[in-house]
């Protein structure tokens, strides 16, 4: 199970974030340390988000992790390692960002973005799921965030964990109690008490293992109420819904 620190958000705080420019950070709670080379497409972005190489020169992350589309040379990227302090870390910088115009906040959907790097990285890339069987659990979450809701420190070693999928109806009902509406046709909910993403994991991938060393991306860490709370699973952007858009935008940036 994964461990990640997430700020404890009240229902009012979540609702407020949907309408302001705050960029909440999510991390992974209750898991194991990833061995070297296990997730070679996983990257860390300097604003405190995760991401995945969807092409040698393009990172797929969450829309709420970036400020908009256009030229952007402010994001630093660490790739190729599970230990952020490793001497073997590959470092790059952003040159441009793409975010769909339809994005307004993480709780309102369309929460994805692409970061173009200053050069292609010689690393494996992560394919995007077409949906269907890939979206049934268990799925895998991963990130460098804090290891619990009350933690004050993020991790420098990558953590990962297995989580069950939570039905859209069940997830939507839970969040209605917190006065937040789930965009069901663009979201996947996953997690259980004690296992979840948390502060610092935003933008990281939710993945499904399709072969010994092959994974596909099913979701993007988007939002949630606290970390690993009973009845409040993590909410992920359902990438199969945006697959064609993501791939078209990726080709333009590559």
Protein backbone atom coordinates (compact mmCIF):
# COMPACT_ATOMS: atom_id res chain seq x y z
CA UNK A 1 0.00 0.00 0.00
CA UNK A 2 1.24 3.46 -0.82
CA UNK A 3 2.00 6.28 1.53
CA UNK A 4 1.48 9.89 0.52
CA UNK A 5 0.72 13.19 2.29
CA UNK A 6 -2.35 15.08 1.22
CA UNK A 7 -3.70 18.23 2.75
CA UNK A 8 -6.93 17.53 4.59
CA UNK A 9 -9.60 19.22 2.54
CA UNK A 10 -13.05 19.94 3.86
CA UNK A 11 -15.99 19.85 1.48
CA UNK A 12 -15.98 23.63 1.41
CA UNK A 13 -12.28 23.73 0.61
CA UNK A 14 -12.70 21.37 -2.33
CA UNK A 15 -15.56 23.45 -3.67
CA UNK A 16 -13.52 26.61 -3.25
CA UNK A 17 -10.59 25.15 -5.16
CA UNK A 18 -12.86 24.48 -8.08
CA UNK A 19 -13.34 28.19 -8.49
CA UNK A 20 -9.92 29.64 -7.78
CA UNK A 21 -6.40 29.29 -9.15
CA UNK A 22 -5.10 27.00 -6.39
CA UNK A 23 -3.19 23.99 -7.67
CA UNK A 24 -3.80 21.17 -5.17
CA UNK A 25 -1.15 18.48 -4.91
CA UNK A 26 -1.82 14.78 -4.45
CA UNK A 27 0.51 12.04 -3.18
CA UNK A 28 0.42 8.20 -2.67
CA UNK A 29 -0.49 6.58 0.70
CA UNK A 30 0.32 3.10 2.02
CA UNK A 31 2.67 1.38 -0.42
CA UNK A 32 6.02 -0.14 -1.27
CA UNK A 33 9.22 1.42 -2.57
CA UNK A 34 9.57 0.89 -6.32
CA UNK A 35 12.69 -0.98 -7.43
CA UNK A 36 15.00 0.66 -9.96
CA UNK A 37 13.71 0.38 -13.51
CA UNK A 38 10.20 -0.73 -12.53
CA UNK A 39 8.34 2.29 -13.95
CA UNK A 40 10.80 3.87 -16.42
CA UNK A 41 8.21 6.25 -17.94
CA UNK A 42 7.40 7.92 -14.60
CA UNK A 43 8.64 11.51 -14.16
CA UNK A 44 8.64 14.18 -11.48
CA UNK A 45 7.76 17.79 -12.34
CA UNK A 46 9.22 20.71 -10.39
CA UNK A 47 5.87 22.23 -9.39
CA UNK A 48 5.30 19.14 -7.23
CA UNK A 49 3.35 16.98 -9.66
CA UNK A 50 3.95 13.63 -11.27
CA UNK A 51 3.60 12.69 -14.91
CA UNK A 52 4.32 10.00 -17.47
CA UNK A 53 6.24 10.03 -20.75
CA UNK A 54 3.56 9.52 -23.38
CA UNK A 55 6.12 10.23 -26.14
CA UNK A 56 9.93 10.63 -25.96
CA UNK A 57 9.56 14.41 -25.76
CA UNK A 58 6.11 14.77 -24.17
CA UNK A 59 4.85 14.28 -20.60
CA UNK A 60 1.17 13.65 -19.81
CA UNK A 61 0.09 15.21 -16.52
CA UNK A 62 -2.95 16.88 -14.90
CA UNK A 63 -4.44 20.10 -16.21
CA UNK A 64 -4.47 21.63 -12.74
CA UNK A 65 -0.69 21.16 -12.49
CA UNK A 66 -0.03 23.81 -15.15
CA UNK A 67 -1.21 27.37 -15.69
CA UNK A 68 -2.34 27.13 -19.31
CA UNK A 69 -1.13 26.59 -22.89
CA UNK A 70 1.81 28.16 -24.68
CA UNK A 71 5.55 28.55 -24.33
CA UNK A 72 6.79 27.57 -20.90
CA UNK A 73 10.43 27.17 -19.87
CA UNK A 74 9.80 27.08 -16.12
CA UNK A 75 9.18 23.37 -15.50
CA UNK A 76 12.08 21.12 -14.56
CA UNK A 77 11.71 17.38 -15.10
CA UNK A 78 13.45 14.47 -13.38
CA UNK A 79 13.19 11.13 -15.18
CA UNK A 80 14.73 7.68 -15.50
CA UNK A 81 15.02 6.94 -11.78
CA UNK A 82 12.89 5.92 -8.82
CA UNK A 83 15.21 7.76 -6.40
CA UNK A 84 15.12 11.51 -7.08
CA UNK A 85 18.55 11.89 -5.46
CA UNK A 86 20.19 9.36 -7.76
CA UNK A 87 23.22 10.45 -9.77
CA UNK A 88 21.64 8.62 -12.71
CA UNK A 89 18.66 10.97 -12.87
CA UNK A 90 17.91 12.37 -16.32
CA UNK A 91 16.96 16.04 -16.21
CA UNK A 92 15.15 18.13 -18.80
CA UNK A 93 13.18 21.37 -19.05
CA UNK A 94 9.87 22.31 -20.54
CA UNK A 95 9.60 24.42 -23.68
CA UNK A 96 5.82 24.43 -24.11
CA UNK A 97 2.60 23.29 -22.44
CA UNK A 98 -0.78 22.29 -23.85
CA UNK A 99 -3.96 22.25 -21.78
CA UNK A 100 -7.48 21.86 -23.26
CA UNK A 101 -9.48 25.08 -23.37
CA UNK A 102 -12.37 23.21 -21.74
CA UNK A 103 -10.43 22.80 -18.48
CA UNK A 104 -11.65 24.99 -15.61
CA UNK A 105 -10.81 23.03 -12.45
CA UNK A 106 -10.00 19.47 -11.46
CA UNK A 107 -13.49 18.77 -10.10
CA UNK A 108 -15.16 19.89 -13.37
CA UNK A 109 -13.37 17.48 -15.71
CA UNK A 110 -10.97 17.73 -18.67
CA UNK A 111 -8.12 17.53 -16.16
CA UNK A 112 -5.18 16.69 -18.42
CA UNK A 113 -2.24 18.51 -19.96
CA UNK A 114 0.91 17.88 -21.96
CA UNK A 115 4.41 19.23 -21.32
CA UNK A 116 6.86 19.40 -24.24
CA UNK A 117 10.48 18.86 -23.22
CA UNK A 118 13.59 20.55 -24.59
CA UNK A 119 14.77 17.23 -26.03
CA UNK A 120 13.53 13.64 -26.48
CA UNK A 121 14.42 11.27 -23.64
CA UNK A 122 15.81 7.81 -24.36
CA UNK A 123 13.31 6.08 -22.10
CA UNK A 124 10.27 3.81 -22.56
CA UNK A 125 6.93 5.56 -22.99
CA UNK A 126 3.56 4.72 -21.46
CA UNK A 127 0.68 3.91 -23.78
CA UNK A 128 -2.86 5.24 -23.26
CA UNK A 129 -5.65 2.79 -22.55
CA UNK A 130 -8.52 2.33 -24.97
CA UNK A 131 -10.79 1.57 -22.01
CA UNK A 132 -12.73 -1.63 -21.50
CA UNK A 133 -11.02 -4.37 -19.49
CA UNK A 134 -8.05 -2.10 -18.68
CA UNK A 135 -10.31 -0.04 -16.44
CA UNK A 136 -11.24 -2.88 -14.09
CA UNK A 137 -9.13 -3.33 -10.99
CA UNK A 138 -6.88 -3.85 -9.42
CA UNK A 139 -4.93 -0.89 -10.77
CA UNK A 140 -1.60 0.60 -9.68
CA UNK A 141 -0.93 4.07 -8.27
CA UNK A 142 2.51 5.60 -7.80
CA UNK A 143 4.18 8.81 -6.74
CA UNK A 144 6.77 10.65 -4.67
CA UNK A 145 4.36 12.38 -2.30
CA UNK A 146 3.99 12.23 1.45
CA UNK A 147 3.06 8.95 3.09
CA UNK A 148 -0.02 10.07 4.97
CA UNK A 149 -2.56 12.83 5.36
CA UNK A 150 -0.77 14.16 8.43
CA UNK A 151 2.75 13.88 7.05
CA UNK A 152 4.87 17.00 6.55
CA UNK A 153 7.44 15.52 4.19
CA UNK A 154 7.30 14.27 0.63
CA UNK A 155 9.28 11.24 -0.49
CA UNK A 156 12.37 11.12 -2.69
CA UNK A 157 11.92 7.40 -3.41
CA UNK A 158 9.02 6.37 -5.64
CA UNK A 159 6.17 4.49 -3.95
CA UNK A 160 3.53 2.31 -5.56
CA UNK A 161 0.45 0.34 -4.51
CA UNK A 162 -2.46 -1.68 -5.85
CA UNK A 163 -5.97 -0.24 -5.54
CA UNK A 164 -9.47 -1.50 -6.39
CA UNK A 165 -11.77 0.42 -8.72
CA UNK A 166 -14.83 2.00 -7.08
CA UNK A 167 -18.04 2.14 -9.14
CA UNK A 168 -18.93 5.59 -10.48
CA UNK A 169 -22.32 5.56 -8.78
CA UNK A 170 -20.85 4.67 -5.40
CA UNK A 171 -18.14 7.31 -5.77
CA UNK A 172 -20.57 10.01 -6.91
CA UNK A 173 -22.91 9.29 -3.99
CA UNK A 174 -20.06 9.63 -1.50
CA UNK A 175 -18.91 12.97 -2.88
CA UNK A 176 -22.44 14.34 -3.03
CA UNK A 177 -22.35 14.16 0.76
CA UNK A 178 -19.31 16.46 0.58
CA UNK A 179 -21.25 18.74 -1.79
CA UNK A 180 -18.99 17.98 -4.74
CA UNK A 181 -20.37 16.66 -8.04
CA UNK A 182 -18.40 13.91 -9.76
CA UNK A 183 -18.09 14.18 -13.55
CA UNK A 184 -18.87 10.49 -13.93
CA UNK A 185 -18.30 10.10 -17.67
CA UNK A 186 -14.75 11.50 -17.43
CA UNK A 187 -13.60 9.99 -14.13
CA UNK A 188 -12.41 6.74 -12.59
CA UNK A 189 -12.50 6.33 -8.82
CA UNK A 190 -10.07 3.97 -7.11
CA UNK A 191 -8.68 3.29 -3.66
CA UNK A 192 -9.68 2.02 -0.26
CA UNK A 193 -9.14 3.00 3.33
CA UNK A 194 -5.40 3.14 3.92
CA UNK A 195 -4.42 3.07 0.22
CA UNK A 196 -4.73 6.15 -1.97
CA UNK A 197 -2.91 8.96 -3.71
CA UNK A 198 -2.29 12.05 -1.61
CA UNK A 199 -0.55 15.46 -1.56
CA UNK A 200 2.12 15.68 -4.28
CA UNK A 201 0.86 12.95 -6.62
CA UNK A 202 -1.29 15.12 -8.89
CA UNK A 203 -0.68 14.41 -12.54
CA UNK A 204 0.80 10.99 -11.94
CA UNK A 205 -0.55 7.95 -13.79
CA UNK A 206 -3.07 5.31 -12.72
CA UNK A 207 -1.93 2.22 -14.62
CA UNK A 208 -2.96 -1.30 -15.60
CA UNK A 209 -0.44 -4.08 -16.16
CA UNK A 210 -1.15 -5.85 -19.45
CA UNK A 211 2.02 -7.98 -19.65
CA UNK A 212 5.14 -8.75 -17.60
CA UNK A 213 6.84 -5.46 -18.41
CA UNK A 214 4.08 -3.57 -20.22
CA UNK A 215 1.62 -1.13 -18.72
CA UNK A 216 -1.05 1.21 -20.05
CA UNK A 217 -2.26 4.44 -18.50
CA UNK A 218 -5.86 4.34 -17.35
CA UNK A 219 -6.05 7.57 -15.35
CA UNK A 220 -4.36 10.74 -14.13
CA UNK A 221 -4.33 11.67 -10.45
CA UNK A 222 -6.85 14.50 -10.18
CA UNK A 223 -8.55 15.14 -6.82
CA UNK A 224 -10.12 13.70 -3.68
CA UNK A 225 -11.16 14.42 -0.10
CA UNK A 226 -8.14 13.93 2.13
CA UNK A 227 -6.09 10.77 1.64
CA UNK A 228 -7.18 7.14 1.94
CA UNK A 229 -10.32 8.01 3.89
CA UNK A 230 -13.12 5.49 4.23
CA UNK A 231 -15.77 6.01 1.52
CA UNK A 232 -13.77 8.76 -0.26
CA UNK A 233 -11.69 7.14 -3.02
CA UNK A 234 -9.25 9.07 -5.17
CA UNK A 235 -10.66 10.55 -8.38
CA UNK A 236 -8.70 10.12 -11.63
CA UNK A 237 -9.14 11.58 -15.10
CA UNK A 238 -10.33 8.72 -17.34
CA UNK A 239 -7.79 8.98 -20.15
CA UNK A 240 -9.64 6.68 -22.57
CA UNK A 241 -12.26 9.44 -22.89
CA UNK A 242 -9.59 11.83 -24.16
CA UNK A 243 -7.36 9.35 -25.98
CA UNK A 244 -7.82 10.81 -29.47
CA UNK A 245 -7.38 14.39 -28.23
CA UNK A 246 -4.28 13.52 -26.21
CA UNK A 247 -2.68 11.66 -29.11
CA UNK A 248 -3.44 14.45 -31.60
CA UNK A 249 -1.96 17.08 -29.29
CA UNK A 250 1.05 14.86 -28.60
CA UNK A 251 1.79 14.55 -32.32
CA UNK A 252 1.75 18.34 -32.66
CA UNK A 253 4.20 18.74 -29.78
CA UNK A 254 6.56 15.90 -30.70
